[in-house]
Amino acid sequence: MLETLISSKTRIKLLLKFFLNSKMTAYLRSLESEFGDSTNAIRLELNRLEKAGMLSSFMKGNKKMFTANTKHPLFGEVHNILLKHIGIDRLIEGVIDRLGNVEKVYLGGQFAQGLDSPIIDLVIIGKIDKAYLIRLIERIEPIIKRKVRYLIYEQYEYTEAVIASFSPKPILLWSND
């Protein structure tokens, strides 16, 4: 879907990298090795996104680091489009209301690193109906064309240290707070 709107695969990778996890920072050479694209293609797209105000940059030693500009007026919209692109919006909307007593839902795995992946990793906190979750995942996987893996922690098992122990640290997608 996103490929029809944005023809540059490098730009899509950069948007996923920085706008799924707004705390993500990276520099040109790290993106080159991560994406497997040429430095020139990545540099052009980084410069375009920075010029448009969607990315911010700062120097760290001799490296120019990039991060999402969360103050940009379109940040929230781009973030939501990317969630729709990977199918998480459907998963969350369909799950939360009927799943039981859900406290929090985190996105983990490669998506937490800002990388596209055929697998969506979720960490769910709360007392939920596991049979319903499995039925829902079986229905949604063909629609979003991705596999869904999940971990469930009941409220008494959950602490911030549990989430901090994941690498990369999962992104909070939903909370009942």
C-alpha atoms as a PDB file:
ATOM      1  CA  MET A   1       0.000   0.000   0.000  1.00  0.00           C
ATOM      2  CA  LEU A   2       2.633   2.524   1.049  1.00  0.00           C
ATOM      3  CA  GLU A   3       4.773   1.662  -1.978  1.00  0.00           C
ATOM      4  CA  THR A   4       2.091   3.084  -4.290  1.00  0.00           C
ATOM      5  CA  LEU A   5       2.169   6.443  -2.499  1.00  0.00           C
ATOM      6  CA  ILE A   6       5.912   6.673  -1.885  1.00  0.00           C
ATOM      7  CA  SER A   7       8.036   5.382  -4.740  1.00  0.00           C
ATOM      8  CA  SER A   8      11.359   5.509  -2.880  1.00  0.00           C
ATOM      9  CA  LYS A   9      11.979   2.279  -0.960  1.00  0.00           C
ATOM     10  CA  THR A  10      14.754   4.049   0.939  1.00  0.00           C
ATOM     11  CA  ARG A  11      12.342   6.774   2.079  1.00  0.00           C
ATOM     12  CA  ILE A  12       9.876   4.129   3.296  1.00  0.00           C
ATOM     13  CA  LYS A  13      12.651   2.414   5.270  1.00  0.00           C
ATOM     14  CA  LEU A  14      13.658   5.742   6.823  1.00  0.00           C
ATOM     15  CA  LEU A  15      10.069   6.595   7.752  1.00  0.00           C
ATOM     16  CA  LEU A  16       9.625   3.186   9.367  1.00  0.00           C
ATOM     17  CA  LYS A  17      12.945   3.540  11.175  1.00  0.00           C
ATOM     18  CA  PHE A  18      12.285   6.954  12.674  1.00  0.00           C
ATOM     19  CA  PHE A  19       8.488   7.297  12.863  1.00  0.00           C
ATOM     20  CA  LEU A  20       7.502   3.950  14.388  1.00  0.00           C
ATOM     21  CA  ASN A  21       9.856   4.534  17.308  1.00  0.00           C
ATOM     22  CA  SER A  22      10.395   8.262  17.743  1.00  0.00           C
ATOM     23  CA  LYS A  23      13.257   7.696  20.198  1.00  0.00           C
ATOM     24  CA  MET A  24      15.322   6.000  17.491  1.00  0.00           C
ATOM     25  CA  THR A  25      18.528   7.733  16.402  1.00  0.00           C
ATOM     26  CA  ALA A  26      20.892   6.694  13.620  1.00  0.00           C
ATOM     27  CA  TYR A  27      23.676   7.998  11.435  1.00  0.00           C
ATOM     28  CA  LEU A  28      24.368   7.527   7.729  1.00  0.00           C
ATOM     29  CA  ARG A  29      26.851   4.625   7.905  1.00  0.00           C
ATOM     30  CA  SER A  30      24.727   2.660  10.378  1.00  0.00           C
ATOM     31  CA  LEU A  31      21.729   3.051   8.075  1.00  0.00           C
ATOM     32  CA  GLU A  32      23.822   1.892   5.122  1.00  0.00           C
ATOM     33  CA  SER A  33      24.744  -1.353   6.833  1.00  0.00           C
ATOM     34  CA  GLU A  34      21.221  -1.837   8.205  1.00  0.00           C
ATOM     35  CA  PHE A  35      19.360  -1.184   4.950  1.00  0.00           C
ATOM     36  CA  GLY A  36      21.933  -2.493   2.482  1.00  0.00           C
ATOM     37  CA  ASP A  37      21.337   0.597   0.326  1.00  0.00           C
ATOM     38  CA  SER A  38      23.964   2.963  -1.054  1.00  0.00           C
ATOM     39  CA  THR A  39      25.078   5.841   1.150  1.00  0.00           C
ATOM     40  CA  ASN A  40      24.182   8.270  -1.620  1.00  0.00           C
ATOM     41  CA  ALA A  41      20.550   7.111  -1.793  1.00  0.00           C
ATOM     42  CA  ILE A  42      20.234   7.248   1.986  1.00  0.00           C
ATOM     43  CA  ARG A  43      21.948  10.652   2.209  1.00  0.00           C
ATOM     44  CA  LEU A  44      19.579  12.135  -0.398  1.00  0.00           C
ATOM     45  CA  GLU A  45      16.503  10.912   1.464  1.00  0.00           C
ATOM     46  CA  LEU A  46      17.847  11.983   4.876  1.00  0.00           C
ATOM     47  CA  ASN A  47      18.520  15.471   3.484  1.00  0.00           C
ATOM     48  CA  ARG A  48      15.038  15.674   1.940  1.00  0.00           C
ATOM     49  CA  LEU A  49      13.344  14.618   5.169  1.00  0.00           C
ATOM     50  CA  GLU A  50      15.505  16.984   7.221  1.00  0.00           C
ATOM     51  CA  LYS A  51      14.835  19.885   4.853  1.00  0.00           C
ATOM     52  CA  ALA A  52      11.093  19.180   5.126  1.00  0.00           C
ATOM     53  CA  GLY A  53      11.458  19.355   8.929  1.00  0.00           C
ATOM     54  CA  MET A  54      10.409  15.748   9.462  1.00  0.00           C
ATOM     55  CA  LEU A  55      13.854  14.732  10.767  1.00  0.00           C
ATOM     56  CA  SER A  56      16.113  16.578  13.178  1.00  0.00           C
ATOM     57  CA  SER A  57      19.864  16.155  13.337  1.00  0.00           C
ATOM     58  CA  PHE A  58      22.615  16.729  15.884  1.00  0.00           C
ATOM     59  CA  MET A  59      26.315  16.022  16.073  1.00  0.00           C
ATOM     60  CA  LYS A  60      27.632  13.232  18.289  1.00  0.00           C
ATOM     61  CA  GLY A  61      31.394  13.296  17.992  1.00  0.00           C
ATOM     62  CA  ASN A  62      32.069  13.355  14.278  1.00  0.00           C
ATOM     63  CA  LYS A  63      28.764  11.659  13.367  1.00  0.00           C
ATOM     64  CA  LYS A  64      25.648  13.461  12.239  1.00  0.00           C
ATOM     65  CA  MET A  65      22.811  11.707  14.054  1.00  0.00           C
ATOM     66  CA  PHE A  66      19.213  11.804  12.823  1.00  0.00           C
ATOM     67  CA  THR A  67      15.966  11.409  14.728  1.00  0.00           C
ATOM     68  CA  ALA A  68      12.265  12.046  14.056  1.00  0.00           C
ATOM     69  CA  ASN A  69      11.052  15.577  14.685  1.00  0.00           C
ATOM     70  CA  THR A  70       8.129  14.796  16.978  1.00  0.00           C
ATOM     71  CA  LYS A  71       7.113  18.473  16.951  1.00  0.00           C
ATOM     72  CA  HIS A  72       6.462  18.408  13.199  1.00  0.00           C
ATOM     73  CA  PRO A  73       2.715  18.917  12.537  1.00  0.00           C
ATOM     74  CA  LEU A  74       2.546  15.717  10.472  1.00  0.00           C
ATOM     75  CA  PHE A  75       4.432  13.480  12.901  1.00  0.00           C
ATOM     76  CA  GLY A  76       1.282  11.900  14.369  1.00  0.00           C
ATOM     77  CA  GLU A  77      -0.279  11.421  10.953  1.00  0.00           C
ATOM     78  CA  VAL A  78       2.827   9.746   9.499  1.00  0.00           C
ATOM     79  CA  HIS A  79       3.077   7.524  12.595  1.00  0.00           C
ATOM     80  CA  ASN A  80      -0.570   6.458  12.174  1.00  0.00           C
ATOM     81  CA  ILE A  81      -0.106   5.790   8.441  1.00  0.00           C
ATOM     82  CA  LEU A  82       2.846   3.529   9.224  1.00  0.00           C
ATOM     83  CA  LEU A  83       0.814   1.648  11.845  1.00  0.00           C
ATOM     84  CA  LYS A  84      -1.882   1.148   9.219  1.00  0.00           C
ATOM     85  CA  HIS A  85       0.752   0.045   6.693  1.00  0.00           C
ATOM     86  CA  ILE A  86       1.956  -2.759   8.939  1.00  0.00           C
ATOM     87  CA  GLY A  87      -1.579  -3.661  10.070  1.00  0.00           C
ATOM     88  CA  ILE A  88      -1.271  -2.913  13.776  1.00  0.00           C
ATOM     89  CA  ASP A  89      -4.207  -0.523  13.779  1.00  0.00           C
ATOM     90  CA  ARG A  90      -6.601  -3.346  12.821  1.00  0.00           C
ATOM     91  CA  LEU A  91      -5.076  -5.692  15.339  1.00  0.00           C
ATOM     92  CA  ILE A  92      -5.336  -3.226  18.228  1.00  0.00           C
ATOM     93  CA  GLU A  93      -8.825  -1.959  17.336  1.00  0.00           C
ATOM     94  CA  GLY A  94     -10.200  -5.473  17.023  1.00  0.00           C
ATOM     95  CA  VAL A  95      -8.461  -6.870  20.077  1.00  0.00           C
ATOM     96  CA  ILE A  96      -8.651  -4.441  22.972  1.00  0.00           C
ATOM     97  CA  ASP A  97     -12.394  -4.134  23.493  1.00  0.00           C
ATOM     98  CA  ARG A  98     -13.200  -7.837  23.428  1.00  0.00           C
ATOM     99  CA  LEU A  99     -10.012  -9.395  24.735  1.00  0.00           C
ATOM    100  CA  GLY A 100     -10.602  -9.012  28.448  1.00  0.00           C
ATOM    101  CA  ASN A 101      -8.828  -6.862  31.016  1.00  0.00           C
ATOM    102  CA  VAL A 102      -5.961  -5.449  28.921  1.00  0.00           C
ATOM    103  CA  GLU A 103      -3.675  -3.031  30.769  1.00  0.00           C
ATOM    104  CA  LYS A 104      -1.030  -2.334  28.090  1.00  0.00           C
ATOM    105  CA  VAL A 105       0.068  -3.455  24.635  1.00  0.00           C
ATOM    106  CA  TYR A 106       3.662  -3.073  23.422  1.00  0.00           C
ATOM    107  CA  LEU A 107       5.168  -3.503  19.963  1.00  0.00           C
ATOM    108  CA  GLY A 108       8.482  -5.357  19.999  1.00  0.00           C
ATOM    109  CA  GLY A 109      10.906  -7.090  17.679  1.00  0.00           C
ATOM    110  CA  GLN A 110      12.142  -5.536  14.472  1.00  0.00           C
ATOM    111  CA  PHE A 111       9.341  -2.973  14.369  1.00  0.00           C
ATOM    112  CA  ALA A 112      10.568  -1.569  17.701  1.00  0.00           C
ATOM    113  CA  GLN A 113      13.872  -0.959  15.898  1.00  0.00           C
ATOM    114  CA  GLY A 114      12.040   0.792  13.069  1.00  0.00           C
ATOM    115  CA  LEU A 115      12.577  -2.066  10.619  1.00  0.00           C
ATOM    116  CA  ASP A 116       9.934  -3.643   8.432  1.00  0.00           C
ATOM    117  CA  SER A 117       9.266  -7.278   9.210  1.00  0.00           C
ATOM    118  CA  PRO A 118       6.915 -10.084   8.199  1.00  0.00           C
ATOM    119  CA  ILE A 119       6.324 -10.712  11.921  1.00  0.00           C
ATOM    120  CA  ILE A 120       4.570  -8.428  14.414  1.00  0.00           C
ATOM    121  CA  ASP A 121       5.733  -9.036  17.991  1.00  0.00           C
ATOM    122  CA  LEU A 122       3.314  -7.949  20.706  1.00  0.00           C
ATOM    123  CA  VAL A 123       3.663  -7.930  24.477  1.00  0.00           C
ATOM    124  CA  ILE A 124       0.257  -7.848  26.154  1.00  0.00           C
ATOM    125  CA  ILE A 125      -0.194  -7.030  29.831  1.00  0.00           C
ATOM    126  CA  GLY A 126      -3.413  -8.101  31.538  1.00  0.00           C
ATOM    127  CA  LYS A 127      -5.811 -10.967  32.108  1.00  0.00           C
ATOM    128  CA  ILE A 128      -7.067 -11.883  28.668  1.00  0.00           C
ATOM    129  CA  ASP A 129      -9.058 -14.523  26.820  1.00  0.00           C
ATOM    130  CA  LYS A 130      -6.227 -16.430  25.077  1.00  0.00           C
ATOM    131  CA  ALA A 131      -8.571 -18.553  22.967  1.00  0.00           C
ATOM    132  CA  TYR A 132     -10.198 -15.413  21.574  1.00  0.00           C
ATOM    133  CA  LEU A 133      -6.771 -13.874  20.890  1.00  0.00           C
ATOM    134  CA  ILE A 134      -5.706 -16.946  18.905  1.00  0.00           C
ATOM    135  CA  ARG A 135      -8.931 -16.905  16.850  1.00  0.00           C
ATOM    136  CA  LEU A 136      -8.504 -13.194  16.169  1.00  0.00           C
ATOM    137  CA  ILE A 137      -4.875 -13.588  15.102  1.00  0.00           C
ATOM    138  CA  GLU A 138      -5.836 -16.442  12.754  1.00  0.00           C
ATOM    139  CA  ARG A 139      -8.387 -14.147  11.100  1.00  0.00           C
ATOM    140  CA  ILE A 140      -6.201 -11.040  10.890  1.00  0.00           C
ATOM    141  CA  GLU A 141      -2.932 -12.565   9.632  1.00  0.00           C
ATOM    142  CA  PRO A 142      -4.228 -13.155   6.065  1.00  0.00           C
ATOM    143  CA  ILE A 143      -5.623  -9.611   5.975  1.00  0.00           C
ATOM    144  CA  ILE A 144      -2.439  -7.846   7.105  1.00  0.00           C
ATOM    145  CA  LYS A 145      -0.173 -10.378   5.358  1.00  0.00           C
ATOM    146  CA  ARG A 146       2.067 -10.695   8.422  1.00  0.00           C
ATOM    147  CA  LYS A 147       2.444 -13.232  11.208  1.00  0.00           C
ATOM    148  CA  VAL A 148       1.689 -12.176  14.785  1.00  0.00           C
ATOM    149  CA  ARG A 149       3.662 -13.416  17.805  1.00  0.00           C
ATOM    150  CA  TYR A 150       2.682 -12.482  21.311  1.00  0.00           C
ATOM    151  CA  LEU A 151       3.755 -12.689  24.931  1.00  0.00           C
ATOM    152  CA  ILE A 152       1.213 -12.314  27.690  1.00  0.00           C
ATOM    153  CA  TYR A 153       2.049 -11.113  31.186  1.00  0.00           C
ATOM    154  CA  GLU A 154      -0.603 -10.893  33.845  1.00  0.00           C
ATOM    155  CA  GLN A 155      -0.601  -7.690  35.866  1.00  0.00           C
ATOM    156  CA  TYR A 156       1.134  -9.289  38.868  1.00  0.00           C
ATOM    157  CA  GLU A 157       3.991 -10.504  36.618  1.00  0.00           C
ATOM    158  CA  TYR A 158       4.525  -7.158  34.932  1.00  0.00           C
ATOM    159  CA  THR A 159       7.071  -4.552  35.957  1.00  0.00           C
ATOM    160  CA  GLU A 160       8.874  -1.865  33.972  1.00  0.00           C
ATOM    161  CA  ALA A 161      12.014  -3.983  34.451  1.00  0.00           C
ATOM    162  CA  VAL A 162      10.385  -6.786  32.428  1.00  0.00           C
ATOM    163  CA  ILE A 163       9.845  -4.430  29.489  1.00  0.00           C
ATOM    164  CA  ALA A 164      13.306  -2.887  29.910  1.00  0.00           C
ATOM    165  CA  SER A 165      14.847  -6.367  29.660  1.00  0.00           C
ATOM    166  CA  PHE A 166      13.693  -6.737  26.034  1.00  0.00           C
ATOM    167  CA  SER A 167      16.140  -5.867  23.298  1.00  0.00           C
ATOM    168  CA  PRO A 168      15.173  -3.699  21.605  1.00  0.00           C
ATOM    169  CA  LYS A 169      12.895  -2.082  24.144  1.00  0.00           C
ATOM    170  CA  PRO A 170       9.254  -2.444  23.007  1.00  0.00           C
ATOM    171  CA  ILE A 171       7.169   0.603  22.105  1.00  0.00           C
ATOM    172  CA  LEU A 172       3.986   1.254  24.092  1.00  0.00           C
ATOM    173  CA  LEU A 173       1.092   1.087  21.617  1.00  0.00           C
ATOM    174  CA  TRP A 174      -1.881   1.211  23.939  1.00  0.00           C
ATOM    175  CA  SER A 175      -2.544   1.709  27.625  1.00  0.00           C
ATOM    176  CA  ASN A 176      -5.732   1.869  29.670  1.00  0.00           C
ATOM    177  CA  ASP A 177      -4.298   4.831  31.627  1.00  0.00           C
END
